[in-house]
């Protein structure tokens, strides 16, 4: 059985190229496959391999003070869902091109998966305000599944979000808005941007959809969650949707 991990962490990296070389050497030694994006603002990774190899890869990161609090989401698959290992240095670990969206001093306010599940079940937050789940992913990803009744936007890439959200801003003023995405990175940047734009009623779903599946399951969610590898999407029990195609063959 293959162990798959998804993680991101915002922390200043003074020499991204040198850090990328370290990550590449370690991942190659452990025969891991997947993708790692590195920037001056942090790291974003999706990797797969044997369970012991994955933990051996993570151990030095967790021992590095820059990555204190690194949170990793796990899933399992029968095969490695990546063809090769790709390590890239980028201007951002997820391209948004909006200043002030790197959490240098503090993260945007978060809400835990179990709290969101309770709010969705009762139909409002703990102060009686209606809850709007805001999907920050693109239309291709949304097509595989999203939270029931979520506000989805007709975007092809994350940088399209600000313009697509503009027509909805007035309608969201009386709601508690929970931004969400696959693993947390996009909804974190989006929440910071929205707060800077005066939307003080925005929270981010801690650890994204994958964290929600891991901690809560599929309560209030319709379908699967698109992932960026050969599994295509994960069901709420974190099994690959691609199994459906295999069963039908």
C-alpha atoms as a PDB file:
ATOM      1  CA  UNK A   1       0.000   0.000   0.000  1.00  0.00           C
ATOM      2  CA  UNK A   2       1.291   3.444  -0.984  1.00  0.00           C
ATOM      3  CA  UNK A   3       1.217   6.406   1.404  1.00  0.00           C
ATOM      4  CA  UNK A   4       0.260   9.757  -0.136  1.00  0.00           C
ATOM      5  CA  UNK A   5       0.806  13.069   1.608  1.00  0.00           C
ATOM      6  CA  UNK A   6      -0.299  16.620   0.925  1.00  0.00           C
ATOM      7  CA  UNK A   7       1.092  19.551   2.890  1.00  0.00           C
ATOM      8  CA  UNK A   8       1.902  23.215   2.632  1.00  0.00           C
ATOM      9  CA  UNK A   9       3.584  25.610   4.994  1.00  0.00           C
ATOM     10  CA  UNK A  10       4.185  29.331   4.812  1.00  0.00           C
ATOM     11  CA  UNK A  11       7.600  30.281   6.153  1.00  0.00           C
ATOM     12  CA  UNK A  12      10.370  32.525   4.815  1.00  0.00           C
ATOM     13  CA  UNK A  13      12.912  30.559   2.767  1.00  0.00           C
ATOM     14  CA  UNK A  14      15.933  32.741   2.101  1.00  0.00           C
ATOM     15  CA  UNK A  15      17.496  30.489  -0.542  1.00  0.00           C
ATOM     16  CA  UNK A  16      14.711  28.610  -2.348  1.00  0.00           C
ATOM     17  CA  UNK A  17      17.027  27.070  -4.964  1.00  0.00           C
ATOM     18  CA  UNK A  18      19.338  25.586  -2.339  1.00  0.00           C
ATOM     19  CA  UNK A  19      16.388  24.304  -0.367  1.00  0.00           C
ATOM     20  CA  UNK A  20      14.967  22.735  -3.540  1.00  0.00           C
ATOM     21  CA  UNK A  21      18.258  20.886  -4.046  1.00  0.00           C
ATOM     22  CA  UNK A  22      18.032  19.477  -0.503  1.00  0.00           C
ATOM     23  CA  UNK A  23      14.444  18.359  -1.013  1.00  0.00           C
ATOM     24  CA  UNK A  24      15.231  16.780  -4.378  1.00  0.00           C
ATOM     25  CA  UNK A  25      18.200  14.821  -3.034  1.00  0.00           C
ATOM     26  CA  UNK A  26      16.223  13.492  -0.064  1.00  0.00           C
ATOM     27  CA  UNK A  27      13.158  12.565  -2.117  1.00  0.00           C
ATOM     28  CA  UNK A  28      15.281  10.802  -4.759  1.00  0.00           C
ATOM     29  CA  UNK A  29      17.167   8.813  -2.119  1.00  0.00           C
ATOM     30  CA  UNK A  30      13.845   7.640  -0.692  1.00  0.00           C
ATOM     31  CA  UNK A  31      12.375   6.836  -4.153  1.00  0.00           C
ATOM     32  CA  UNK A  32       9.467   9.227  -3.669  1.00  0.00           C
ATOM     33  CA  UNK A  33       7.400  10.591  -6.526  1.00  0.00           C
ATOM     34  CA  UNK A  34       5.170  13.621  -6.758  1.00  0.00           C
ATOM     35  CA  UNK A  35       5.550  17.375  -6.917  1.00  0.00           C
ATOM     36  CA  UNK A  36       7.060  19.978  -4.625  1.00  0.00           C
ATOM     37  CA  UNK A  37       6.738  23.730  -5.192  1.00  0.00           C
ATOM     38  CA  UNK A  38       9.143  25.975  -3.308  1.00  0.00           C
ATOM     39  CA  UNK A  39       9.155  29.771  -3.081  1.00  0.00           C
ATOM     40  CA  UNK A  40      10.462  32.445  -0.788  1.00  0.00           C
ATOM     41  CA  UNK A  41       7.127  32.249   1.034  1.00  0.00           C
ATOM     42  CA  UNK A  42       7.191  28.498   1.800  1.00  0.00           C
ATOM     43  CA  UNK A  43       6.577  25.033   0.393  1.00  0.00           C
ATOM     44  CA  UNK A  44       3.647  23.127  -1.152  1.00  0.00           C
ATOM     45  CA  UNK A  45       4.012  19.388  -1.672  1.00  0.00           C
ATOM     46  CA  UNK A  46       2.225  16.263  -2.868  1.00  0.00           C
ATOM     47  CA  UNK A  47       4.338  13.122  -2.503  1.00  0.00           C
ATOM     48  CA  UNK A  48       3.832   9.356  -2.538  1.00  0.00           C
ATOM     49  CA  UNK A  49       5.902   6.329  -1.559  1.00  0.00           C
ATOM     50  CA  UNK A  50       6.377   3.732   1.137  1.00  0.00           C
ATOM     51  CA  UNK A  51       5.189   4.658   4.618  1.00  0.00           C
ATOM     52  CA  UNK A  52       8.684   4.484   6.131  1.00  0.00           C
ATOM     53  CA  UNK A  53      10.149   6.517   3.276  1.00  0.00           C
ATOM     54  CA  UNK A  54       7.502   9.207   3.706  1.00  0.00           C
ATOM     55  CA  UNK A  55       8.231   9.515   7.426  1.00  0.00           C
ATOM     56  CA  UNK A  56      11.974   9.597   6.746  1.00  0.00           C
ATOM     57  CA  UNK A  57      11.363  12.473   4.329  1.00  0.00           C
ATOM     58  CA  UNK A  58       9.216  14.384   6.814  1.00  0.00           C
ATOM     59  CA  UNK A  59      11.484  13.931   9.845  1.00  0.00           C
ATOM     60  CA  UNK A  60      14.076  16.614   8.901  1.00  0.00           C
ATOM     61  CA  UNK A  61      11.298  19.049   7.957  1.00  0.00           C
ATOM     62  CA  UNK A  62       9.599  18.592  11.302  1.00  0.00           C
ATOM     63  CA  UNK A  63      12.944  19.094  13.065  1.00  0.00           C
ATOM     64  CA  UNK A  64      13.488  22.400  11.225  1.00  0.00           C
ATOM     65  CA  UNK A  65      12.187  25.353  13.329  1.00  0.00           C
ATOM     66  CA  UNK A  66      10.944  27.024  10.145  1.00  0.00           C
ATOM     67  CA  UNK A  67       8.454  24.193   9.703  1.00  0.00           C
ATOM     68  CA  UNK A  68       7.190  23.989  13.258  1.00  0.00           C
ATOM     69  CA  UNK A  69       3.492  23.240  13.052  1.00  0.00           C
ATOM     70  CA  UNK A  70       3.703  21.582   9.626  1.00  0.00           C
ATOM     71  CA  UNK A  71       0.438  19.709   9.147  1.00  0.00           C
ATOM     72  CA  UNK A  72       0.307  16.757   6.796  1.00  0.00           C
ATOM     73  CA  UNK A  73      -2.772  15.127   5.277  1.00  0.00           C
ATOM     74  CA  UNK A  74      -2.483  11.403   4.574  1.00  0.00           C
ATOM     75  CA  UNK A  75      -4.264   9.036   2.217  1.00  0.00           C
ATOM     76  CA  UNK A  76      -3.546   5.578   0.818  1.00  0.00           C
ATOM     77  CA  UNK A  77      -3.617   4.058  -2.648  1.00  0.00           C
ATOM     78  CA  UNK A  78      -2.744   0.734  -4.246  1.00  0.00           C
ATOM     79  CA  UNK A  79      -0.283   2.337  -6.661  1.00  0.00           C
ATOM     80  CA  UNK A  80       1.917   5.443  -6.765  1.00  0.00           C
ATOM     81  CA  UNK A  81      -0.270   8.070  -8.489  1.00  0.00           C
ATOM     82  CA  UNK A  82       2.632  10.091  -9.893  1.00  0.00           C
ATOM     83  CA  UNK A  83       4.782   9.262 -12.913  1.00  0.00           C
ATOM     84  CA  UNK A  84       7.894  11.011 -11.616  1.00  0.00           C
ATOM     85  CA  UNK A  85       9.336  13.449  -9.099  1.00  0.00           C
ATOM     86  CA  UNK A  86       9.108  17.172  -9.912  1.00  0.00           C
ATOM     87  CA  UNK A  87      10.729  19.873  -7.767  1.00  0.00           C
ATOM     88  CA  UNK A  88      10.159  23.465  -8.895  1.00  0.00           C
ATOM     89  CA  UNK A  89      11.067  26.905  -7.579  1.00  0.00           C
ATOM     90  CA  UNK A  90       8.297  29.455  -8.179  1.00  0.00           C
ATOM     91  CA  UNK A  91       7.525  33.082  -7.218  1.00  0.00           C
ATOM     92  CA  UNK A  92       4.601  31.771  -5.091  1.00  0.00           C
ATOM     93  CA  UNK A  93       3.719  28.290  -3.869  1.00  0.00           C
ATOM     94  CA  UNK A  94       0.284  28.943  -5.350  1.00  0.00           C
ATOM     95  CA  UNK A  95      -0.018  31.745  -7.867  1.00  0.00           C
ATOM     96  CA  UNK A  96      -2.449  34.483  -6.797  1.00  0.00           C
ATOM     97  CA  UNK A  97      -0.520  37.653  -7.691  1.00  0.00           C
ATOM     98  CA  UNK A  98      -2.086  39.722  -4.959  1.00  0.00           C
ATOM     99  CA  UNK A  99       0.192  41.504  -2.447  1.00  0.00           C
ATOM    100  CA  UNK A 100      -0.291  40.842   1.241  1.00  0.00           C
ATOM    101  CA  UNK A 101      -1.613  37.307   0.862  1.00  0.00           C
ATOM    102  CA  UNK A 102       1.334  35.531   2.461  1.00  0.00           C
ATOM    103  CA  UNK A 103       0.582  34.983   6.176  1.00  0.00           C
ATOM    104  CA  UNK A 104       3.810  36.510   7.475  1.00  0.00           C
ATOM    105  CA  UNK A 105       2.566  37.499  10.931  1.00  0.00           C
ATOM    106  CA  UNK A 106      -0.683  35.571  11.368  1.00  0.00           C
ATOM    107  CA  UNK A 107      -2.993  33.317   9.433  1.00  0.00           C
ATOM    108  CA  UNK A 108      -6.483  34.317   8.463  1.00  0.00           C
ATOM    109  CA  UNK A 109      -9.037  33.188  11.070  1.00  0.00           C
ATOM    110  CA  UNK A 110      -9.781  29.489  10.723  1.00  0.00           C
ATOM    111  CA  UNK A 111     -12.690  27.229  11.533  1.00  0.00           C
ATOM    112  CA  UNK A 112     -12.229  23.546  12.335  1.00  0.00           C
ATOM    113  CA  UNK A 113     -13.875  20.836  10.205  1.00  0.00           C
ATOM    114  CA  UNK A 114     -16.042  19.526  13.052  1.00  0.00           C
ATOM    115  CA  UNK A 115     -17.379  23.035  13.684  1.00  0.00           C
ATOM    116  CA  UNK A 116     -18.229  23.511  10.004  1.00  0.00           C
ATOM    117  CA  UNK A 117     -19.996  20.140   9.985  1.00  0.00           C
ATOM    118  CA  UNK A 118     -22.094  21.240  12.962  1.00  0.00           C
ATOM    119  CA  UNK A 119     -22.920  24.587  11.365  1.00  0.00           C
ATOM    120  CA  UNK A 120     -24.004  22.901   8.141  1.00  0.00           C
ATOM    121  CA  UNK A 121     -26.214  20.484  10.041  1.00  0.00           C
ATOM    122  CA  UNK A 122     -27.907  23.180  12.125  1.00  0.00           C
ATOM    123  CA  UNK A 123     -28.166  25.644   9.219  1.00  0.00           C
ATOM    124  CA  UNK A 124     -26.309  28.564  10.828  1.00  0.00           C
ATOM    125  CA  UNK A 125     -23.207  29.418  12.825  1.00  0.00           C
ATOM    126  CA  UNK A 126     -23.130  29.652  16.607  1.00  0.00           C
ATOM    127  CA  UNK A 127     -24.316  33.274  16.489  1.00  0.00           C
ATOM    128  CA  UNK A 128     -27.295  32.415  14.303  1.00  0.00           C
ATOM    129  CA  UNK A 129     -25.818  33.844  11.091  1.00  0.00           C
ATOM    130  CA  UNK A 130     -26.282  31.975   7.842  1.00  0.00           C
ATOM    131  CA  UNK A 131     -23.192  30.170   6.581  1.00  0.00           C
ATOM    132  CA  UNK A 132     -21.959  30.428   3.002  1.00  0.00           C
ATOM    133  CA  UNK A 133     -19.334  27.928   1.893  1.00  0.00           C
ATOM    134  CA  UNK A 134     -17.160  29.682  -0.712  1.00  0.00           C
ATOM    135  CA  UNK A 135     -15.357  27.359  -3.123  1.00  0.00           C
ATOM    136  CA  UNK A 136     -12.067  28.941  -4.221  1.00  0.00           C
ATOM    137  CA  UNK A 137     -11.220  26.176  -6.722  1.00  0.00           C
ATOM    138  CA  UNK A 138     -11.666  26.254 -10.485  1.00  0.00           C
ATOM    139  CA  UNK A 139     -14.654  24.949 -12.425  1.00  0.00           C
ATOM    140  CA  UNK A 140     -12.921  21.698 -13.434  1.00  0.00           C
ATOM    141  CA  UNK A 141     -12.320  20.783  -9.796  1.00  0.00           C
ATOM    142  CA  UNK A 142     -15.792  21.836  -8.658  1.00  0.00           C
ATOM    143  CA  UNK A 143     -17.322  19.494 -11.228  1.00  0.00           C
ATOM    144  CA  UNK A 144     -16.145  16.488  -9.189  1.00  0.00           C
ATOM    145  CA  UNK A 145     -17.830  17.660  -6.015  1.00  0.00           C
ATOM    146  CA  UNK A 146     -18.278  20.475  -3.511  1.00  0.00           C
ATOM    147  CA  UNK A 147     -20.176  21.318  -0.344  1.00  0.00           C
ATOM    148  CA  UNK A 148     -23.949  21.247  -0.702  1.00  0.00           C
ATOM    149  CA  UNK A 149     -25.186  24.705  -1.659  1.00  0.00           C
ATOM    150  CA  UNK A 150     -21.678  26.181  -1.866  1.00  0.00           C
ATOM    151  CA  UNK A 151     -21.029  29.411  -3.725  1.00  0.00           C
ATOM    152  CA  UNK A 152     -18.950  28.318  -6.714  1.00  0.00           C
ATOM    153  CA  UNK A 153     -17.345  30.702  -9.183  1.00  0.00           C
ATOM    154  CA  UNK A 154     -16.852  30.307 -12.963  1.00  0.00           C
ATOM    155  CA  UNK A 155     -13.064  30.507 -12.855  1.00  0.00           C
ATOM    156  CA  UNK A 156     -10.376  28.648 -14.755  1.00  0.00           C
ATOM    157  CA  UNK A 157      -7.495  29.622 -12.477  1.00  0.00           C
ATOM    158  CA  UNK A 158      -7.047  30.968  -8.951  1.00  0.00           C
ATOM    159  CA  UNK A 159      -5.997  34.424 -10.146  1.00  0.00           C
ATOM    160  CA  UNK A 160      -9.507  34.846 -11.609  1.00  0.00           C
ATOM    161  CA  UNK A 161     -11.141  34.686  -8.173  1.00  0.00           C
ATOM    162  CA  UNK A 162     -11.161  38.389  -7.182  1.00  0.00           C
ATOM    163  CA  UNK A 163     -13.041  39.503 -10.292  1.00  0.00           C
ATOM    164  CA  UNK A 164     -15.452  36.559 -10.142  1.00  0.00           C
ATOM    165  CA  UNK A 165     -16.273  37.218  -6.483  1.00  0.00           C
ATOM    166  CA  UNK A 166     -16.988  40.939  -6.939  1.00  0.00           C
ATOM    167  CA  UNK A 167     -20.675  40.571  -7.997  1.00  0.00           C
ATOM    168  CA  UNK A 168     -21.394  38.513  -4.842  1.00  0.00           C
ATOM    169  CA  UNK A 169     -19.840  40.746  -2.199  1.00  0.00           C
ATOM    170  CA  UNK A 170     -22.981  42.669  -1.197  1.00  0.00           C
ATOM    171  CA  UNK A 171     -25.000  39.454  -0.900  1.00  0.00           C
ATOM    172  CA  UNK A 172     -22.405  38.008   1.492  1.00  0.00           C
ATOM    173  CA  UNK A 173     -22.391  40.857   4.000  1.00  0.00           C
ATOM    174  CA  UNK A 174     -24.896  39.233   6.364  1.00  0.00           C
ATOM    175  CA  UNK A 175     -23.285  35.765   6.256  1.00  0.00           C
ATOM    176  CA  UNK A 176     -20.394  33.946   7.827  1.00  0.00           C
ATOM    177  CA  UNK A 177     -18.297  33.054   4.790  1.00  0.00           C
ATOM    178  CA  UNK A 178     -16.121  29.941   4.971  1.00  0.00           C
ATOM    179  CA  UNK A 179     -13.590  29.779   2.145  1.00  0.00           C
ATOM    180  CA  UNK A 180     -12.384  26.314   1.230  1.00  0.00           C
ATOM    181  CA  UNK A 181     -10.168  24.512  -1.283  1.00  0.00           C
ATOM    182  CA  UNK A 182      -8.407  21.164  -1.662  1.00  0.00           C
ATOM    183  CA  UNK A 183      -5.799  21.294   1.099  1.00  0.00           C
ATOM    184  CA  UNK A 184      -6.037  24.796   2.531  1.00  0.00           C
ATOM    185  CA  UNK A 185      -3.476  26.857   0.648  1.00  0.00           C
ATOM    186  CA  UNK A 186      -5.775  28.670  -1.789  1.00  0.00           C
ATOM    187  CA  UNK A 187      -8.498  29.361   0.767  1.00  0.00           C
ATOM    188  CA  UNK A 188      -5.839  30.725   3.130  1.00  0.00           C
ATOM    189  CA  UNK A 189      -4.612  33.230   0.544  1.00  0.00           C
ATOM    190  CA  UNK A 190      -8.173  34.027  -0.500  1.00  0.00           C
ATOM    191  CA  UNK A 191      -9.273  34.663   3.084  1.00  0.00           C
ATOM    192  CA  UNK A 192      -6.337  37.024   3.684  1.00  0.00           C
ATOM    193  CA  UNK A 193      -7.136  38.915   0.490  1.00  0.00           C
ATOM    194  CA  UNK A 194     -10.841  39.163   1.329  1.00  0.00           C
ATOM    195  CA  UNK A 195     -10.054  40.496   4.801  1.00  0.00           C
ATOM    196  CA  UNK A 196      -7.712  43.105   3.304  1.00  0.00           C
ATOM    197  CA  UNK A 197     -10.595  44.075   1.008  1.00  0.00           C
ATOM    198  CA  UNK A 198     -12.850  44.763   3.996  1.00  0.00           C
ATOM    199  CA  UNK A 199     -14.664  41.435   4.239  1.00  0.00           C
ATOM    200  CA  UNK A 200     -14.288  40.852   7.972  1.00  0.00           C
ATOM    201  CA  UNK A 201     -16.843  38.011   7.996  1.00  0.00           C
ATOM    202  CA  UNK A 202     -14.559  35.469   6.284  1.00  0.00           C
ATOM    203  CA  UNK A 203     -13.030  32.334   7.790  1.00  0.00           C
ATOM    204  CA  UNK A 204     -10.996  29.605   6.137  1.00  0.00           C
ATOM    205  CA  UNK A 205     -11.732  25.897   6.470  1.00  0.00           C
ATOM    206  CA  UNK A 206      -8.723  24.588   8.349  1.00  0.00           C
ATOM    207  CA  UNK A 207      -6.825  21.970   6.275  1.00  0.00           C
ATOM    208  CA  UNK A 208      -9.254  22.271   3.352  1.00  0.00           C
ATOM    209  CA  UNK A 209     -11.483  19.565   1.940  1.00  0.00           C
ATOM    210  CA  UNK A 210      -8.923  16.801   2.475  1.00  0.00           C
ATOM    211  CA  UNK A 211      -8.644  17.705   6.148  1.00  0.00           C
ATOM    212  CA  UNK A 212     -12.439  17.778   6.379  1.00  0.00           C
ATOM    213  CA  UNK A 213     -12.665  14.306   4.859  1.00  0.00           C
ATOM    214  CA  UNK A 214      -9.959  13.035   7.201  1.00  0.00           C
ATOM    215  CA  UNK A 215     -11.527  14.475  10.350  1.00  0.00           C
ATOM    216  CA  UNK A 216     -15.266  14.502   9.612  1.00  0.00           C
ATOM    217  CA  UNK A 217     -16.000  12.464   6.492  1.00  0.00           C
ATOM    218  CA  UNK A 218     -18.475  13.611   3.880  1.00  0.00           C
ATOM    219  CA  UNK A 219     -21.125  15.327   6.017  1.00  0.00           C
ATOM    220  CA  UNK A 220     -22.595  18.147   3.941  1.00  0.00           C
ATOM    221  CA  UNK A 221     -20.389  17.396   0.930  1.00  0.00           C
ATOM    222  CA  UNK A 222     -21.614  16.148  -2.448  1.00  0.00           C
ATOM    223  CA  UNK A 223     -19.283  14.047  -4.597  1.00  0.00           C
ATOM    224  CA  UNK A 224     -15.509  13.722  -4.453  1.00  0.00           C
ATOM    225  CA  UNK A 225     -12.530  16.061  -4.200  1.00  0.00           C
ATOM    226  CA  UNK A 226     -10.356  16.543  -7.274  1.00  0.00           C
ATOM    227  CA  UNK A 227      -6.658  15.942  -6.613  1.00  0.00           C
ATOM    228  CA  UNK A 228      -3.678  16.702  -8.793  1.00  0.00           C
ATOM    229  CA  UNK A 229      -2.485  13.192  -9.587  1.00  0.00           C
ATOM    230  CA  UNK A 230      -3.510   9.975 -11.324  1.00  0.00           C
ATOM    231  CA  UNK A 231      -6.156   9.155  -8.707  1.00  0.00           C
ATOM    232  CA  UNK A 232      -8.187  12.004 -10.262  1.00  0.00           C
ATOM    233  CA  UNK A 233     -10.333  12.580  -7.153  1.00  0.00           C
ATOM    234  CA  UNK A 234     -10.824  11.244  -3.632  1.00  0.00           C
ATOM    235  CA  UNK A 235     -14.083  10.163  -2.080  1.00  0.00           C
ATOM    236  CA  UNK A 236     -14.920  11.339   1.462  1.00  0.00           C
ATOM    237  CA  UNK A 237     -13.403   8.100   2.824  1.00  0.00           C
ATOM    238  CA  UNK A 238     -10.158   9.138   1.025  1.00  0.00           C
ATOM    239  CA  UNK A 239     -10.284   6.256  -1.457  1.00  0.00           C
ATOM    240  CA  UNK A 240      -9.466   7.082  -5.103  1.00  0.00           C
ATOM    241  CA  UNK A 241     -12.349   7.794  -7.443  1.00  0.00           C
ATOM    242  CA  UNK A 242     -10.310   6.223 -10.253  1.00  0.00           C
ATOM    243  CA  UNK A 243     -11.230   2.826  -8.776  1.00  0.00           C
ATOM    244  CA  UNK A 244     -14.625   3.256 -10.455  1.00  0.00           C
ATOM    245  CA  UNK A 245     -12.963   3.162 -13.872  1.00  0.00           C
ATOM    246  CA  UNK A 246     -10.934   0.106 -12.903  1.00  0.00           C
ATOM    247  CA  UNK A 247     -14.046  -1.720 -11.698  1.00  0.00           C
ATOM    248  CA  UNK A 248     -15.876  -0.944 -14.930  1.00  0.00           C
ATOM    249  CA  UNK A 249     -13.045  -2.167 -17.178  1.00  0.00           C
END
